[in-house]
């Protein structure tokens, strides 16, 4: 059987992580899949291990995995002599998260907030000013985050 043995604490952590990832826009199945890949002692799991451990249908697991692959939150590897695909999270790759997800999401948010601000009426000046503050803060983050990331990488080398 492919099911992964988890402690009660690990099961609870998968659910907690799932809630957090759902708030980030993932489906419940995809969110729990990421949670499982992060919490499990086995960092690379087969399709069978994922759907059996999470007690979900094959269809739900397949949809979750396809979504996570498409959004580059997970990847798969193969092993010599084994036809199965082994899925693993990319969330532990700080550099990929930073480049692909954090800055991309930040850029998207700044862009949409600017569009929203540009279409707003002058009658809601207090709200508009608050939105402008958020935009300016996010623009500062866009400038500073790459520098912080570079300093962090440099500190790991030394």
C-alpha atoms as a PDB file:
ATOM      1  CA  UNK A   1       0.000   0.000   0.000  1.00  0.00           C
ATOM      2  CA  UNK A   2       1.273   3.458  -0.897  1.00  0.00           C
ATOM      3  CA  UNK A   3      -0.312   5.303   2.025  1.00  0.00           C
ATOM      4  CA  UNK A   4       2.156   7.352   4.078  1.00  0.00           C
ATOM      5  CA  UNK A   5       2.151   6.770   7.825  1.00  0.00           C
ATOM      6  CA  UNK A   6       1.643  10.083   9.590  1.00  0.00           C
ATOM      7  CA  UNK A   7       1.486  11.017  13.235  1.00  0.00           C
ATOM      8  CA  UNK A   8      -1.546  12.859  14.561  1.00  0.00           C
ATOM      9  CA  UNK A   9       0.582  15.995  14.808  1.00  0.00           C
ATOM     10  CA  UNK A  10       1.566  15.667  11.149  1.00  0.00           C
ATOM     11  CA  UNK A  11      -2.078  15.189  10.141  1.00  0.00           C
ATOM     12  CA  UNK A  12      -3.049  18.324  12.058  1.00  0.00           C
ATOM     13  CA  UNK A  13      -0.204  20.279  10.436  1.00  0.00           C
ATOM     14  CA  UNK A  14      -1.356  19.193   6.981  1.00  0.00           C
ATOM     15  CA  UNK A  15      -4.813  20.571   7.765  1.00  0.00           C
ATOM     16  CA  UNK A  16      -3.401  23.827   9.187  1.00  0.00           C
ATOM     17  CA  UNK A  17      -1.132  24.280   6.183  1.00  0.00           C
ATOM     18  CA  UNK A  18      -4.057  23.434   3.918  1.00  0.00           C
ATOM     19  CA  UNK A  19      -6.116  26.264   5.385  1.00  0.00           C
ATOM     20  CA  UNK A  20      -3.252  28.718   4.821  1.00  0.00           C
ATOM     21  CA  UNK A  21      -2.757  27.598   1.213  1.00  0.00           C
ATOM     22  CA  UNK A  22      -6.502  27.741   0.562  1.00  0.00           C
ATOM     23  CA  UNK A  23      -6.395  31.394   1.629  1.00  0.00           C
ATOM     24  CA  UNK A  24      -3.719  31.801  -1.052  1.00  0.00           C
ATOM     25  CA  UNK A  25      -6.281  30.657  -3.621  1.00  0.00           C
ATOM     26  CA  UNK A  26      -5.656  26.915  -3.866  1.00  0.00           C
ATOM     27  CA  UNK A  27      -8.426  24.343  -3.896  1.00  0.00           C
ATOM     28  CA  UNK A  28      -8.751  22.266  -0.718  1.00  0.00           C
ATOM     29  CA  UNK A  29      -7.265  19.207  -2.448  1.00  0.00           C
ATOM     30  CA  UNK A  30      -4.300  21.170  -3.834  1.00  0.00           C
ATOM     31  CA  UNK A  31      -3.758  22.883  -0.490  1.00  0.00           C
ATOM     32  CA  UNK A  32      -3.677  19.566   1.378  1.00  0.00           C
ATOM     33  CA  UNK A  33      -1.384  18.079  -1.246  1.00  0.00           C
ATOM     34  CA  UNK A  34       1.146  20.855  -0.668  1.00  0.00           C
ATOM     35  CA  UNK A  35       0.700  20.366   3.071  1.00  0.00           C
ATOM     36  CA  UNK A  36       1.387  16.638   2.755  1.00  0.00           C
ATOM     37  CA  UNK A  37       4.505  17.191   0.657  1.00  0.00           C
ATOM     38  CA  UNK A  38       5.828  19.649   3.234  1.00  0.00           C
ATOM     39  CA  UNK A  39       4.957  17.633   6.341  1.00  0.00           C
ATOM     40  CA  UNK A  40       5.662  14.057   5.250  1.00  0.00           C
ATOM     41  CA  UNK A  41       8.990  12.542   6.219  1.00  0.00           C
ATOM     42  CA  UNK A  42       9.111  11.306   2.615  1.00  0.00           C
ATOM     43  CA  UNK A  43       9.720  14.414   0.520  1.00  0.00           C
ATOM     44  CA  UNK A  44       8.895  12.757  -2.807  1.00  0.00           C
ATOM     45  CA  UNK A  45       5.540  10.990  -3.089  1.00  0.00           C
ATOM     46  CA  UNK A  46       3.812   9.062  -5.856  1.00  0.00           C
ATOM     47  CA  UNK A  47       0.319   9.830  -7.079  1.00  0.00           C
ATOM     48  CA  UNK A  48      -0.973   6.757  -5.243  1.00  0.00           C
ATOM     49  CA  UNK A  49       0.667   7.830  -1.992  1.00  0.00           C
ATOM     50  CA  UNK A  50      -0.886  11.275  -2.249  1.00  0.00           C
ATOM     51  CA  UNK A  51      -4.472  10.260  -2.936  1.00  0.00           C
ATOM     52  CA  UNK A  52      -4.417   7.324  -0.507  1.00  0.00           C
ATOM     53  CA  UNK A  53      -2.831   9.295   2.334  1.00  0.00           C
ATOM     54  CA  UNK A  54      -5.175  12.253   1.910  1.00  0.00           C
ATOM     55  CA  UNK A  55      -8.149   9.936   1.392  1.00  0.00           C
ATOM     56  CA  UNK A  56      -9.263  11.753  -1.745  1.00  0.00           C
ATOM     57  CA  UNK A  57     -10.526  10.475  -5.059  1.00  0.00           C
ATOM     58  CA  UNK A  58      -8.104   9.849  -7.890  1.00  0.00           C
ATOM     59  CA  UNK A  59      -9.844  12.595  -9.844  1.00  0.00           C
ATOM     60  CA  UNK A  60      -9.445  15.146  -7.043  1.00  0.00           C
ATOM     61  CA  UNK A  61      -5.802  14.184  -6.595  1.00  0.00           C
ATOM     62  CA  UNK A  62      -5.144  14.390 -10.333  1.00  0.00           C
ATOM     63  CA  UNK A  63      -6.757  17.826 -10.588  1.00  0.00           C
ATOM     64  CA  UNK A  64      -4.816  19.050  -7.547  1.00  0.00           C
ATOM     65  CA  UNK A  65      -1.495  17.768  -8.869  1.00  0.00           C
ATOM     66  CA  UNK A  66      -2.116  19.235 -12.338  1.00  0.00           C
ATOM     67  CA  UNK A  67      -2.937  22.629 -10.810  1.00  0.00           C
ATOM     68  CA  UNK A  68       0.157  22.541  -8.617  1.00  0.00           C
ATOM     69  CA  UNK A  69       2.351  21.537 -11.565  1.00  0.00           C
ATOM     70  CA  UNK A  70       0.867  24.288 -13.741  1.00  0.00           C
ATOM     71  CA  UNK A  71       1.482  26.907 -11.051  1.00  0.00           C
ATOM     72  CA  UNK A  72       4.977  25.512 -10.429  1.00  0.00           C
ATOM     73  CA  UNK A  73       4.322  24.882  -6.755  1.00  0.00           C
ATOM     74  CA  UNK A  74       5.382  21.265  -7.232  1.00  0.00           C
ATOM     75  CA  UNK A  75       7.514  19.359  -9.680  1.00  0.00           C
ATOM     76  CA  UNK A  76       8.071  15.725 -10.393  1.00  0.00           C
ATOM     77  CA  UNK A  77      11.063  13.490 -10.838  1.00  0.00           C
ATOM     78  CA  UNK A  78      11.473   9.953 -12.067  1.00  0.00           C
ATOM     79  CA  UNK A  79      13.791   7.312 -10.715  1.00  0.00           C
ATOM     80  CA  UNK A  80      15.865   4.878 -12.779  1.00  0.00           C
ATOM     81  CA  UNK A  81      13.984   1.634 -13.384  1.00  0.00           C
ATOM     82  CA  UNK A  82      10.727   3.037 -11.996  1.00  0.00           C
ATOM     83  CA  UNK A  83       7.983   4.290 -14.309  1.00  0.00           C
ATOM     84  CA  UNK A  84       6.221   6.251 -11.571  1.00  0.00           C
ATOM     85  CA  UNK A  85       6.434   9.983 -11.153  1.00  0.00           C
ATOM     86  CA  UNK A  86       7.458  11.267  -7.729  1.00  0.00           C
ATOM     87  CA  UNK A  87       6.069  14.650  -6.774  1.00  0.00           C
ATOM     88  CA  UNK A  88       7.844  17.121  -4.521  1.00  0.00           C
ATOM     89  CA  UNK A  89       7.194  20.669  -3.450  1.00  0.00           C
ATOM     90  CA  UNK A  90       9.102  23.608  -4.820  1.00  0.00           C
ATOM     91  CA  UNK A  91       8.120  25.725  -1.812  1.00  0.00           C
ATOM     92  CA  UNK A  92      11.379  24.844  -0.074  1.00  0.00           C
ATOM     93  CA  UNK A  93      13.357  26.379  -2.932  1.00  0.00           C
ATOM     94  CA  UNK A  94      13.518  29.933  -1.642  1.00  0.00           C
ATOM     95  CA  UNK A  95      15.036  31.274  -4.824  1.00  0.00           C
ATOM     96  CA  UNK A  96      12.225  29.914  -7.001  1.00  0.00           C
ATOM     97  CA  UNK A  97       9.572  31.184  -4.601  1.00  0.00           C
ATOM     98  CA  UNK A  98      11.188  34.586  -4.478  1.00  0.00           C
ATOM     99  CA  UNK A  99      11.583  34.939  -8.240  1.00  0.00           C
ATOM    100  CA  UNK A 100       8.489  33.202  -9.515  1.00  0.00           C
ATOM    101  CA  UNK A 101       5.888  33.781  -6.877  1.00  0.00           C
ATOM    102  CA  UNK A 102       6.635  36.619  -4.483  1.00  0.00           C
ATOM    103  CA  UNK A 103       7.743  39.210  -6.995  1.00  0.00           C
ATOM    104  CA  UNK A 104       5.205  38.095  -9.561  1.00  0.00           C
ATOM    105  CA  UNK A 105       2.376  38.330  -7.064  1.00  0.00           C
ATOM    106  CA  UNK A 106       3.633  41.693  -5.810  1.00  0.00           C
ATOM    107  CA  UNK A 107       3.877  43.047  -9.356  1.00  0.00           C
ATOM    108  CA  UNK A 108       0.351  41.866 -10.110  1.00  0.00           C
ATOM    109  CA  UNK A 109      -1.033  43.409  -6.935  1.00  0.00           C
ATOM    110  CA  UNK A 110       0.636  46.772  -7.573  1.00  0.00           C
ATOM    111  CA  UNK A 111      -0.668  46.790 -11.117  1.00  0.00           C
ATOM    112  CA  UNK A 112      -4.254  45.991 -10.163  1.00  0.00           C
ATOM    113  CA  UNK A 113      -4.253  48.435  -7.237  1.00  0.00           C
ATOM    114  CA  UNK A 114      -3.052  51.202  -9.572  1.00  0.00           C
ATOM    115  CA  UNK A 115      -5.837  50.406 -12.025  1.00  0.00           C
ATOM    116  CA  UNK A 116      -8.363  50.457  -9.199  1.00  0.00           C
ATOM    117  CA  UNK A 117      -7.044  53.767  -7.877  1.00  0.00           C
ATOM    118  CA  UNK A 118      -7.157  55.331 -11.342  1.00  0.00           C
ATOM    119  CA  UNK A 119     -10.837  54.513 -11.776  1.00  0.00           C
ATOM    120  CA  UNK A 120     -11.937  55.611  -8.298  1.00  0.00           C
ATOM    121  CA  UNK A 121     -13.975  58.740  -7.740  1.00  0.00           C
ATOM    122  CA  UNK A 122     -12.575  61.783  -5.937  1.00  0.00           C
ATOM    123  CA  UNK A 123     -15.473  61.517  -3.498  1.00  0.00           C
ATOM    124  CA  UNK A 124     -13.639  58.830  -1.492  1.00  0.00           C
ATOM    125  CA  UNK A 125     -10.396  60.687  -0.866  1.00  0.00           C
ATOM    126  CA  UNK A 126      -9.619  59.011   2.472  1.00  0.00           C
ATOM    127  CA  UNK A 127     -10.029  55.542   0.959  1.00  0.00           C
ATOM    128  CA  UNK A 128      -8.046  56.572  -2.115  1.00  0.00           C
ATOM    129  CA  UNK A 129      -5.186  57.870   0.051  1.00  0.00           C
ATOM    130  CA  UNK A 130      -5.087  54.603   1.968  1.00  0.00           C
ATOM    131  CA  UNK A 131      -4.949  52.680  -1.301  1.00  0.00           C
ATOM    132  CA  UNK A 132      -2.156  54.963  -2.515  1.00  0.00           C
ATOM    133  CA  UNK A 133      -0.240  54.249   0.727  1.00  0.00           C
ATOM    134  CA  UNK A 134      -0.537  50.525   0.046  1.00  0.00           C
ATOM    135  CA  UNK A 135       0.685  50.990  -3.527  1.00  0.00           C
ATOM    136  CA  UNK A 136       3.663  53.054  -2.393  1.00  0.00           C
ATOM    137  CA  UNK A 137       4.554  50.512   0.284  1.00  0.00           C
ATOM    138  CA  UNK A 138       4.354  47.660  -2.216  1.00  0.00           C
ATOM    139  CA  UNK A 139       6.515  49.601  -4.681  1.00  0.00           C
ATOM    140  CA  UNK A 140       9.100  50.044  -1.931  1.00  0.00           C
ATOM    141  CA  UNK A 141       8.949  46.295  -1.314  1.00  0.00           C
ATOM    142  CA  UNK A 142       9.510  45.694  -5.043  1.00  0.00           C
ATOM    143  CA  UNK A 143      12.719  47.714  -4.829  1.00  0.00           C
ATOM    144  CA  UNK A 144      13.977  46.421  -1.483  1.00  0.00           C
ATOM    145  CA  UNK A 145      13.118  42.722  -1.628  1.00  0.00           C
ATOM    146  CA  UNK A 146      15.703  41.841  -4.303  1.00  0.00           C
ATOM    147  CA  UNK A 147      18.365  43.646  -2.264  1.00  0.00           C
ATOM    148  CA  UNK A 148      17.357  41.842   0.917  1.00  0.00           C
ATOM    149  CA  UNK A 149      17.386  38.535  -0.946  1.00  0.00           C
ATOM    150  CA  UNK A 150      20.883  39.232  -2.321  1.00  0.00           C
ATOM    151  CA  UNK A 151      22.157  40.117   1.177  1.00  0.00           C
ATOM    152  CA  UNK A 152      20.628  36.936   2.556  1.00  0.00           C
ATOM    153  CA  UNK A 153      22.276  34.811  -0.177  1.00  0.00           C
ATOM    154  CA  UNK A 154      25.622  36.503   0.469  1.00  0.00           C
ATOM    155  CA  UNK A 155      25.334  35.846   4.209  1.00  0.00           C
ATOM    156  CA  UNK A 156      24.817  32.126   3.555  1.00  0.00           C
ATOM    157  CA  UNK A 157      28.034  31.919   1.548  1.00  0.00           C
ATOM    158  CA  UNK A 158      30.142  33.417   4.317  1.00  0.00           C
END
